[in-house]
C-alpha atoms as a PDB file:
ATOM      1  CA  MET A   1    -153.957  57.087 125.018  1.00  0.00           C
ATOM      2  CA  ASN A   2    -151.810  55.737 122.042  1.00  0.00           C
ATOM      3  CA  ALA A   3    -148.951  53.923 124.118  1.00  0.00           C
ATOM      4  CA  GLY A   4    -146.934  53.594 120.965  1.00  0.00           C
ATOM      5  CA  PRO A   5    -145.048  50.950 119.847  1.00  0.00           C
ATOM      6  CA  PRO A   6    -144.366  47.628 122.077  1.00  0.00           C
ATOM      7  CA  LEU A   7    -140.721  47.926 123.591  1.00  0.00           C
ATOM      8  CA  LEU A   8    -139.218  44.884 122.176  1.00  0.00           C
ATOM      9  CA  PHE A   9    -135.766  45.859 121.708  1.00  0.00           C
ATOM     10  CA  ASP A  10    -133.683  47.094 125.306  1.00  0.00           C
ATOM     11  CA  ARG A  11    -132.157  49.908 122.793  1.00  0.00           C
ATOM     12  CA  GLN A  12    -129.468  50.787 125.416  1.00  0.00           C
ATOM     13  CA  ALA A  13    -128.494  47.005 125.216  1.00  0.00           C
ATOM     14  CA  VAL A  14    -128.208  47.160 121.725  1.00  0.00           C
ATOM     15  CA  LEU A  15    -126.167  50.073 121.381  1.00  0.00           C
ATOM     16  CA  ARG A  16    -123.730  48.718 124.615  1.00  0.00           C
ATOM     17  CA  HIS A  17    -123.512  45.158 122.562  1.00  0.00           C
ATOM     18  CA  ARG A  18    -122.213  47.084 119.315  1.00  0.00           C
ATOM     19  CA  SER A  19    -120.186  49.201 121.133  1.00  0.00           C
ATOM     20  CA  ARG A  20    -118.493  46.252 122.672  1.00  0.00           C
ATOM     21  CA  ALA A  21    -118.369  44.463 119.041  1.00  0.00           C
ATOM     22  CA  ALA A  22    -115.925  47.757 118.156  1.00  0.00           C
ATOM     23  CA  GLY A  23    -113.173  46.851 120.349  1.00  0.00           C
ATOM     24  CA  ILE A  24    -113.247  42.856 119.803  1.00  0.00           C
ATOM     25  CA  PRO A  25    -110.675  41.793 117.273  1.00  0.00           C
ATOM     26  CA  GLY A  26    -111.755  39.772 114.490  1.00  0.00           C
ATOM     27  CA  ASP A  27    -113.619  40.145 111.048  1.00  0.00           C
ATOM     28  CA  ALA A  28    -117.009  41.194 110.977  1.00  0.00           C
ATOM     29  CA  PHE A  29    -117.654  39.774 107.931  1.00  0.00           C
ATOM     30  CA  LEU A  30    -121.233  40.412 107.306  1.00  0.00           C
ATOM     31  CA  LEU A  31    -120.826  44.093 107.852  1.00  0.00           C
ATOM     32  CA  GLU A  32    -118.161  43.751 105.188  1.00  0.00           C
ATOM     33  CA  GLU A  33    -120.367  41.754 102.871  1.00  0.00           C
ATOM     34  CA  VAL A  34    -123.035  44.565 103.423  1.00  0.00           C
ATOM     35  CA  SER A  35    -121.057  47.551 102.866  1.00  0.00           C
ATOM     36  CA  GLY A  36    -120.225  45.739  99.039  1.00  0.00           C
ATOM     37  CA  GLY A  37    -123.889  44.966  98.806  1.00  0.00           C
ATOM     38  CA  LEU A  38    -124.451  49.130  99.377  1.00  0.00           C
ATOM     39  CA  ALA A  39    -121.911  49.640  97.145  1.00  0.00           C
ATOM     40  CA  GLU A  40    -122.961  47.923  94.481  1.00  0.00           C
ATOM     41  CA  ARG A  41    -126.585  49.486  94.513  1.00  0.00           C
ATOM     42  CA  LEU A  42    -125.204  52.823  94.775  1.00  0.00           C
ATOM     43  CA  ALA A  43    -122.884  52.135  91.771  1.00  0.00           C
ATOM     44  CA  ALA A  44    -125.913  51.463  89.691  1.00  0.00           C
ATOM     45  CA  VAL A  45    -127.452  54.862  90.680  1.00  0.00           C
ATOM     46  CA  ASN A  46    -124.481  56.498  88.697  1.00  0.00           C
ATOM     47  CA  ARG A  47    -124.767  59.882  90.827  1.00  0.00           C
ATOM     48  CA  HIS A  48    -122.863  61.189  93.530  1.00  0.00           C
ATOM     49  CA  PHE A  49    -124.642  62.725  96.950  1.00  0.00           C
ATOM     50  CA  GLU A  50    -123.857  65.444  98.599  1.00  0.00           C
ATOM     51  CA  TYR A  51    -125.323  65.418 101.566  1.00  0.00           C
ATOM     52  CA  GLY A  52    -124.995  61.765 103.167  1.00  0.00           C
ATOM     53  CA  LEU A  53    -126.464  60.580 106.424  1.00  0.00           C
ATOM     54  CA  ASP A  54    -124.783  56.775 108.009  1.00  0.00           C
ATOM     55  CA  LEU A  55    -127.125  55.805 110.827  1.00  0.00           C
ATOM     56  CA  GLU A  56    -124.562  54.615 113.482  1.00  0.00           C
ATOM     57  CA  GLY A  57    -122.030  55.013 110.694  1.00  0.00           C
ATOM     58  CA  ARG A  58    -121.308  51.234 109.761  1.00  0.00           C
ATOM     59  CA  ALA A  59    -121.954  51.490 106.174  1.00  0.00           C
ATOM     60  CA  ARG A  60    -118.754  52.751 105.117  1.00  0.00           C
ATOM     61  CA  LEU A  61    -119.574  54.082 102.031  1.00  0.00           C
ATOM     62  CA  GLY A  62    -117.311  57.370 102.136  1.00  0.00           C
ATOM     63  CA  ALA A  63    -117.000  57.516  98.345  1.00  0.00           C
ATOM     64  CA  ALA A  64    -120.708  57.569  97.871  1.00  0.00           C
ATOM     65  CA  ALA A  65    -121.056  61.256  99.261  1.00  0.00           C
ATOM     66  CA  GLY A  66    -119.341  64.402  99.463  1.00  0.00           C
ATOM     67  CA  ASN A  67    -119.768  65.242 103.594  1.00  0.00           C
ATOM     68  CA  TRP A  68    -121.130  62.530 105.560  1.00  0.00           C
ATOM     69  CA  VAL A  69    -122.810  62.671 109.317  1.00  0.00           C
ATOM     70  CA  ASP A  70    -122.996  59.505 111.655  1.00  0.00           C
ATOM     71  CA  ILE A  71    -125.985  59.491 113.814  1.00  0.00           C
ATOM     72  CA  SER A  72    -127.542  56.951 115.983  1.00  0.00           C
ATOM     73  CA  LEU A  73    -131.150  57.077 116.811  1.00  0.00           C
ATOM     74  CA  ALA A  74    -132.187  58.328 120.549  1.00  0.00           C
ATOM     75  CA  GLU A  75    -133.230  55.676 122.947  1.00  0.00           C
ATOM     76  CA  ASN A  76    -136.959  56.345 121.861  1.00  0.00           C
ATOM     77  CA  ASP A  77    -135.991  56.130 118.288  1.00  0.00           C
ATOM     78  CA  ALA A  78    -136.090  59.341 117.166  1.00  0.00           C
ATOM     79  CA  LEU A  79    -133.937  60.401 114.544  1.00  0.00           C
ATOM     80  CA  PRO A  80    -132.598  64.052 115.355  1.00  0.00           C
ATOM     81  CA  VAL A  81    -132.055  65.779 112.025  1.00  0.00           C
ATOM     82  CA  GLU A  82    -133.951  68.315 110.184  1.00  0.00           C
ATOM     83  CA  PRO A  83    -136.527  67.789 107.490  1.00  0.00           C
ATOM     84  CA  GLU A  84    -134.950  67.682 103.772  1.00  0.00           C
ATOM     85  CA  SER A  85    -131.563  68.168 105.098  1.00  0.00           C
ATOM     86  CA  PHE A  86    -129.740  65.179 103.228  1.00  0.00           C
ATOM     87  CA  ASP A  87    -129.549  63.709  99.701  1.00  0.00           C
ATOM     88  CA  LEU A  88    -128.469  60.030 100.759  1.00  0.00           C
ATOM     89  CA  VAL A  89    -129.496  57.942 103.726  1.00  0.00           C
ATOM     90  CA  VAL A  90    -127.997  54.604 104.429  1.00  0.00           C
ATOM     91  CA  SER A  91    -128.041  52.281 107.181  1.00  0.00           C
ATOM     92  CA  ALA A  92    -126.117  48.996 107.606  1.00  0.00           C
ATOM     93  CA  LEU A  93    -127.448  46.368 109.832  1.00  0.00           C
ATOM     94  CA  THR A  94    -129.270  48.401 112.057  1.00  0.00           C
ATOM     95  CA  LEU A  95    -132.485  48.850 111.415  1.00  0.00           C
ATOM     96  CA  HIS A  96    -133.815  45.306 112.452  1.00  0.00           C
ATOM     97  CA  ALA A  97    -133.205  46.041 116.276  1.00  0.00           C
ATOM     98  CA  ILE A  98    -135.847  49.259 116.825  1.00  0.00           C
ATOM     99  CA  ASN A  99    -138.896  49.209 118.692  1.00  0.00           C
ATOM    100  CA  ASP A 100    -140.837  51.455 115.607  1.00  0.00           C
ATOM    101  CA  LEU A 101    -139.375  50.968 112.531  1.00  0.00           C
ATOM    102  CA  PRO A 102    -142.483  52.007 110.435  1.00  0.00           C
ATOM    103  CA  GLY A 103    -141.848  55.620 112.641  1.00  0.00           C
ATOM    104  CA  VAL A 104    -138.227  55.461 111.594  1.00  0.00           C
ATOM    105  CA  LEU A 105    -138.727  55.188 108.184  1.00  0.00           C
ATOM    106  CA  ALA A 106    -140.893  58.002 108.437  1.00  0.00           C
ATOM    107  CA  GLN A 107    -138.504  60.126 109.824  1.00  0.00           C
ATOM    108  CA  ILE A 108    -135.868  58.886 107.349  1.00  0.00           C
ATOM    109  CA  ARG A 109    -138.417  59.882 104.487  1.00  0.00           C
ATOM    110  CA  ARG A 110    -138.864  63.233 106.047  1.00  0.00           C
ATOM    111  CA  ALA A 111    -135.102  63.964 106.398  1.00  0.00           C
ATOM    112  CA  LEU A 112    -134.361  63.103 102.168  1.00  0.00           C
ATOM    113  CA  LYS A 113    -134.324  66.082 100.015  1.00  0.00           C
ATOM    114  CA  PRO A 114    -136.876  65.665  97.113  1.00  0.00           C
ATOM    115  CA  ASP A 115    -135.328  63.064  94.954  1.00  0.00           C
ATOM    116  CA  GLY A 116    -133.263  61.616  97.896  1.00  0.00           C
ATOM    117  CA  LEU A 117    -132.239  58.299  98.244  1.00  0.00           C
ATOM    118  CA  PHE A 118    -132.821  55.845 101.131  1.00  0.00           C
ATOM    119  CA  LEU A 119    -130.465  52.686 100.881  1.00  0.00           C
ATOM    120  CA  ALA A 120    -130.442  50.196 103.891  1.00  0.00           C
ATOM    121  CA  ALA A 121    -129.596  46.659 104.760  1.00  0.00           C
ATOM    122  CA  LEU A 122    -131.055  44.492 107.412  1.00  0.00           C
ATOM    123  CA  PHE A 123    -131.850  41.212 109.001  1.00  0.00           C
ATOM    124  CA  GLY A 124    -134.920  39.588 108.117  1.00  0.00           C
ATOM    125  CA  GLY A 125    -136.378  36.557 107.214  1.00  0.00           C
ATOM    126  CA  ASP A 126    -134.868  33.578 108.541  1.00  0.00           C
ATOM    127  CA  THR A 127    -131.938  34.846 109.977  1.00  0.00           C
ATOM    128  CA  LEU A 128    -130.494  32.311 112.629  1.00  0.00           C
ATOM    129  CA  SER A 129    -133.576  30.240 112.100  1.00  0.00           C
ATOM    130  CA  GLU A 130    -131.548  27.189 113.674  1.00  0.00           C
ATOM    131  CA  LEU A 131    -130.565  28.691 116.516  1.00  0.00           C
ATOM    132  CA  ARG A 132    -134.366  29.873 117.365  1.00  0.00           C
ATOM    133  CA  ASN A 133    -135.242  26.193 116.640  1.00  0.00           C
ATOM    134  CA  SER A 134    -132.479  25.193 118.552  1.00  0.00           C
ATOM    135  CA  PHE A 135    -133.454  27.231 121.640  1.00  0.00           C
ATOM    136  CA  ALA A 136    -137.059  26.852 121.865  1.00  0.00           C
ATOM    137  CA  SER A 137    -136.555  23.185 121.524  1.00  0.00           C
ATOM    138  CA  ALA A 138    -133.972  22.824 124.415  1.00  0.00           C
ATOM    139  CA  GLU A 139    -136.323  25.463 127.028  1.00  0.00           C
ATOM    140  CA  ALA A 140    -139.209  23.273 126.156  1.00  0.00           C
ATOM    141  CA  GLU A 141    -137.577  20.332 126.878  1.00  0.00           C
ATOM    142  CA  THR A 142    -135.750  21.144 130.179  1.00  0.00           C
ATOM    143  CA  THR A 143    -137.634  24.169 131.500  1.00  0.00           C
ATOM    144  CA  GLY A 144    -141.147  23.628 130.316  1.00  0.00           C
ATOM    145  CA  GLY A 145    -141.326  26.846 128.791  1.00  0.00           C
ATOM    146  CA  ILE A 146    -139.953  29.098 126.444  1.00  0.00           C
ATOM    147  CA  SER A 147    -138.209  32.610 126.980  1.00  0.00           C
ATOM    148  CA  PRO A 148    -137.145  35.088 124.465  1.00  0.00           C
ATOM    149  CA  ARG A 149    -133.893  34.540 122.856  1.00  0.00           C
ATOM    150  CA  VAL A 150    -133.631  35.536 119.114  1.00  0.00           C
ATOM    151  CA  ALA A 151    -135.577  38.519 118.149  1.00  0.00           C
ATOM    152  CA  PRO A 152    -138.461  38.084 115.592  1.00  0.00           C
ATOM    153  CA  LEU A 153    -137.583  39.166 112.022  1.00  0.00           C
ATOM    154  CA  ALA A 154    -140.127  40.979 109.514  1.00  0.00           C
ATOM    155  CA  ASP A 155    -139.850  38.957 106.013  1.00  0.00           C
ATOM    156  CA  VAL A 156    -139.182  40.922 102.268  1.00  0.00           C
ATOM    157  CA  ARG A 157    -142.948  41.739 101.383  1.00  0.00           C
ATOM    158  CA  ASP A 158    -143.750  43.320 104.902  1.00  0.00           C
ATOM    159  CA  LEU A 159    -140.696  45.266 104.684  1.00  0.00           C
ATOM    160  CA  GLY A 160    -141.226  46.354 101.066  1.00  0.00           C
ATOM    161  CA  GLY A 161    -144.895  47.004 102.169  1.00  0.00           C
ATOM    162  CA  LEU A 162    -143.275  49.744 105.256  1.00  0.00           C
ATOM    163  CA  LEU A 163    -141.479  51.495 102.388  1.00  0.00           C
ATOM    164  CA  GLN A 164    -144.438  52.218 100.490  1.00  0.00           C
ATOM    165  CA  ARG A 165    -146.260  53.327 103.775  1.00  0.00           C
ATOM    166  CA  ALA A 166    -143.573  55.657 104.565  1.00  0.00           C
ATOM    167  CA  GLY A 167    -144.465  57.509 101.540  1.00  0.00           C
ATOM    168  CA  PHE A 168    -141.131  56.355  99.598  1.00  0.00           C
ATOM    169  CA  ALA A 169    -141.126  56.524  95.708  1.00  0.00           C
ATOM    170  CA  LEU A 170    -140.039  53.609  93.636  1.00  0.00           C
ATOM    171  CA  PRO A 171    -139.900  51.219  96.614  1.00  0.00           C
ATOM    172  CA  VAL A 172    -137.669  48.197  96.415  1.00  0.00           C
ATOM    173  CA  ALA A 173    -136.870  45.262  98.625  1.00  0.00           C
ATOM    174  CA  ASP A 174    -134.743  42.193  97.885  1.00  0.00           C
ATOM    175  CA  VAL A 175    -133.007  39.319  99.867  1.00  0.00           C
ATOM    176  CA  GLU A 176    -129.773  37.816  99.722  1.00  0.00           C
ATOM    177  CA  ARG A 177    -129.084  34.747 101.607  1.00  0.00           C
ATOM    178  CA  THR A 178    -125.465  33.766 103.088  1.00  0.00           C
ATOM    179  CA  THR A 179    -124.905  30.675 104.978  1.00  0.00           C
ATOM    180  CA  VAL A 180    -122.563  30.254 107.441  1.00  0.00           C
ATOM    181  CA  ARG A 181    -120.890  26.935 108.275  1.00  0.00           C
ATOM    182  CA  TYR A 182    -119.228  26.904 111.994  1.00  0.00           C
ATOM    183  CA  ARG A 183    -116.973  24.339 113.032  1.00  0.00           C
ATOM    184  CA  ASN A 184    -118.479  24.531 116.682  1.00  0.00           C
ATOM    185  CA  PHE A 185    -121.315  26.281 118.860  1.00  0.00           C
ATOM    186  CA  ALA A 186    -118.894  28.678 120.440  1.00  0.00           C
ATOM    187  CA  ASP A 187    -117.212  30.171 116.923  1.00  0.00           C
ATOM    188  CA  LEU A 188    -121.133  31.098 116.181  1.00  0.00           C
ATOM    189  CA  VAL A 189    -121.691  32.839 118.939  1.00  0.00           C
ATOM    190  CA  ARG A 190    -118.541  34.483 118.988  1.00  0.00           C
ATOM    191  CA  ASP A 191    -119.657  36.198 115.423  1.00  0.00           C
ATOM    192  CA  LEU A 192    -122.763  36.955 116.995  1.00  0.00           C
ATOM    193  CA  ARG A 193    -120.600  39.440 119.445  1.00  0.00           C
ATOM    194  CA  LEU A 194    -118.802  40.633 116.989  1.00  0.00           C
ATOM    195  CA  HIS A 195    -121.510  42.073 115.305  1.00  0.00           C
ATOM    196  CA  GLY A 196    -123.197  43.297 118.600  1.00  0.00           C
ATOM    197  CA  GLU A 197    -126.314  40.788 117.690  1.00  0.00           C
ATOM    198  CA  THR A 198    -126.189  39.049 120.763  1.00  0.00           C
ATOM    199  CA  ASN A 199    -129.768  39.002 122.756  1.00  0.00           C
ATOM    200  CA  ALA A 200    -130.866  42.773 123.628  1.00  0.00           C
ATOM    201  CA  LEU A 201    -134.666  41.757 123.778  1.00  0.00           C
ATOM    202  CA  SER A 202    -136.303  43.627 126.545  1.00  0.00           C
ATOM    203  CA  GLN A 203    -137.961  40.636 127.938  1.00  0.00           C
ATOM    204  CA  ARG A 204    -134.646  38.337 127.808  1.00  0.00           C
ATOM    205  CA  SER A 205    -133.932  36.157 130.513  1.00  0.00           C
ATOM    206  CA  ARG A 206    -130.958  38.045 133.194  1.00  0.00           C
ATOM    207  CA  LYS A 207    -130.582  34.895 134.461  1.00  0.00           C
ATOM    208  CA  PRO A 208    -127.353  32.725 133.116  1.00  0.00           C
ATOM    209  CA  LEU A 209    -128.187  29.748 130.846  1.00  0.00           C
ATOM    210  CA  ARG A 210    -128.745  26.575 133.047  1.00  0.00           C
ATOM    211  CA  ARG A 211    -125.925  23.757 131.666  1.00  0.00           C
ATOM    212  CA  LYS A 212    -128.980  21.035 131.054  1.00  0.00           C
ATOM    213  CA  THR A 213    -130.698  23.383 128.915  1.00  0.00           C
ATOM    214  CA  LEU A 214    -127.315  24.286 126.692  1.00  0.00           C
ATOM    215  CA  ALA A 215    -126.331  20.933 126.234  1.00  0.00           C
ATOM    216  CA  ALA A 216    -129.954  20.241 124.655  1.00  0.00           C
ATOM    217  CA  LEU A 217    -129.218  23.332 122.918  1.00  0.00           C
ATOM    218  CA  LEU A 218    -125.892  21.692 121.364  1.00  0.00           C
ATOM    219  CA  GLU A 219    -127.481  18.361 120.506  1.00  0.00           C
ATOM    220  CA  HIS A 220    -130.687  19.784 118.815  1.00  0.00           C
ATOM    221  CA  TYR A 221    -128.556  21.952 116.681  1.00  0.00           C
ATOM    222  CA  GLN A 222    -125.688  19.258 116.225  1.00  0.00           C
ATOM    223  CA  SER A 223    -128.761  16.134 114.966  1.00  0.00           C
ATOM    224  CA  ARG A 224    -130.849  19.034 113.286  1.00  0.00           C
ATOM    225  CA  HIS A 225    -128.862  21.575 111.800  1.00  0.00           C
ATOM    226  CA  ALA A 226    -125.212  20.180 110.951  1.00  0.00           C
ATOM    227  CA  ASP A 227    -123.480  18.954 107.761  1.00  0.00           C
ATOM    228  CA  PRO A 228    -122.389  15.358 107.256  1.00  0.00           C
ATOM    229  CA  ASP A 229    -119.181  16.866 108.579  1.00  0.00           C
ATOM    230  CA  GLY A 230    -120.245  17.838 111.601  1.00  0.00           C
ATOM    231  CA  ARG A 231    -119.958  21.321 110.510  1.00  0.00           C
ATOM    232  CA  LEU A 232    -123.224  23.724 112.126  1.00  0.00           C
ATOM    233  CA  ARG A 233    -125.213  26.039 109.645  1.00  0.00           C
ATOM    234  CA  ALA A 234    -126.376  29.198 110.254  1.00  0.00           C
ATOM    235  CA  THR A 235    -128.483  31.466 107.856  1.00  0.00           C
ATOM    236  CA  PHE A 236    -128.833  34.992 107.797  1.00  0.00           C
ATOM    237  CA  ASP A 237    -131.026  36.849 105.469  1.00  0.00           C
ATOM    238  CA  ILE A 238    -129.906  40.315 104.259  1.00  0.00           C
ATOM    239  CA  VAL A 239    -132.771  42.401 103.038  1.00  0.00           C
ATOM    240  CA  TYR A 240    -131.870  45.169 100.847  1.00  0.00           C
ATOM    241  CA  LEU A 241    -134.327  48.271 100.981  1.00  0.00           C
ATOM    242  CA  THR A 242    -134.300  51.140  98.353  1.00  0.00           C
ATOM    243  CA  GLY A 243    -136.723  54.159  98.543  1.00  0.00           C
ATOM    244  CA  TRP A 244    -136.683  57.968  96.759  1.00  0.00           C
ATOM    245  CA  ALA A 245    -138.170  60.895  97.997  1.00  0.00           C
ATOM    246  CA  PRO A 246    -140.647  61.823  95.943  1.00  0.00           C
ATOM    247  CA  HIS A 247    -140.026  64.271  92.905  1.00  0.00           C
ATOM    248  CA  ALA A 248    -141.655  65.712  90.262  1.00  0.00           C
ATOM    249  CA  SER A 249    -138.875  64.202  87.674  1.00  0.00           C
ATOM    250  CA  GLN A 250    -139.476  60.327  88.902  1.00  0.00           C
ATOM    251  CA  GLN A 251    -140.905  57.977  86.818  1.00  0.00           C
ATOM    252  CA  LYS A 252    -144.634  57.388  87.709  1.00  0.00           C
ATOM    253  CA  PRO A 253    -147.078  54.426  86.794  1.00  0.00           C
ATOM    254  CA  LEU A 254    -149.426  54.375  84.219  1.00  0.00           C
ATOM    255  CA  LYS A 255    -152.809  54.889  84.768  1.00  0.00           C
ATOM    256  CA  PRO A 256    -155.109  51.246  84.380  1.00  0.00           C
ATOM    257  CA  GLY A 257    -156.527  51.628  80.561  1.00  0.00           C
ATOM    258  CA  THR A 258    -154.028  53.741  79.310  1.00  0.00           C
ATOM    259  CA  ALA A 259    -151.419  51.419  77.838  1.00  0.00           C
ATOM    260  CA  THR A 260    -150.855  51.759  74.084  1.00  0.00           C
ATOM    261  CA  THR A 261    -149.089  48.011  73.533  1.00  0.00           C
ATOM    262  CA  ARG A 262    -151.614  44.898  73.863  1.00  0.00           C
ATOM    263  CA  LEU A 263    -149.483  42.752  76.362  1.00  0.00           C
ATOM    264  CA  ALA A 264    -150.261  39.555  73.632  1.00  0.00           C
ATOM    265  CA  ASP A 265    -148.254  41.564  71.097  1.00  0.00           C
ATOM    266  CA  ALA A 266    -144.965  42.267  73.671  1.00  0.00           C
ATOM    267  CA  LEU A 267    -145.660  38.184  74.495  1.00  0.00           C
ATOM    268  CA  GLY A 268    -145.460  37.427  70.835  1.00  0.00           C
ATOM    269  CA  THR A 269    -149.049  35.094  71.587  1.00  0.00           C
ATOM    270  CA  SER A 270    -152.462  35.424  70.591  1.00  0.00           C
ATOM    271  CA  GLU A 271    -154.955  36.659  72.692  1.00  0.00           C
ATOM    272  CA  ARG A 272    -158.134  34.474  73.093  1.00  0.00           C
ATOM    273  CA  LYS A 273    -161.194  35.416  74.917  1.00  0.00           C
ATOM    274  CA  ILE A 274    -162.546  33.286  77.889  1.00  0.00           C
ATOM    275  CA  ARG A 275    -165.991  31.685  77.602  1.00  0.00           C
ATOM    276  CA  ASN A 276    -168.148  31.841  80.952  1.00  0.00           C
ATOM    277  CA  ASP A 277    -171.194  29.536  80.295  1.00  0.00           C
END
């Protein structure tokens, strides 16, 4: 029997952290940055959409569609919408913390009308690599083991492959890196709470962090990931995904052997045969 994808995330904890974040005063600068990035990509499309779906209502793209619906995924990662209900689906920093990303992408693809657009931004790549490295070093030094502290994240190529697997046409995946410099570790933790990005892994430890481990963590972070002025670096890789529901009007790649122009002519070079002796 198929047991389904592994339950990497505690979805109740994910939603609880994001709900609490909405009540914390401060500047959720990464959400602002992502909303700007999504808006820029939508502007390049030069099209107004009639019905838009915003997963968890975090994208803030009101002018892009005439009618918006904000929906959260169910605890089992189900998307409770009818097929072909929307011509635009957007997601801002939500899809990196679900258990069945391939399945959710397939559901989003089915929710789109033909020639509908899917646009998302999520954490990937080396996001919080400094924190991950420092936690691992500190726990190995003080407890002799490593517990789940920072979620594993997919890289841009893997995410692009998932778009193709889900059946999107014209899939594009690109990544933008933001490096933030913090005065101290407490400021980094506060920003993670402000964005609802504290530990929600299913196998996370429920015990408070030991003082000895915290001290080792701070020492490692300061010695390995600080600039000469003492500020701590934190990496955030934002992966942007773009895909279209297939439609007959969309461009199709040419079949091999059907090109009418030689590559050498396009590049302005001469073509030479390679001898195999």
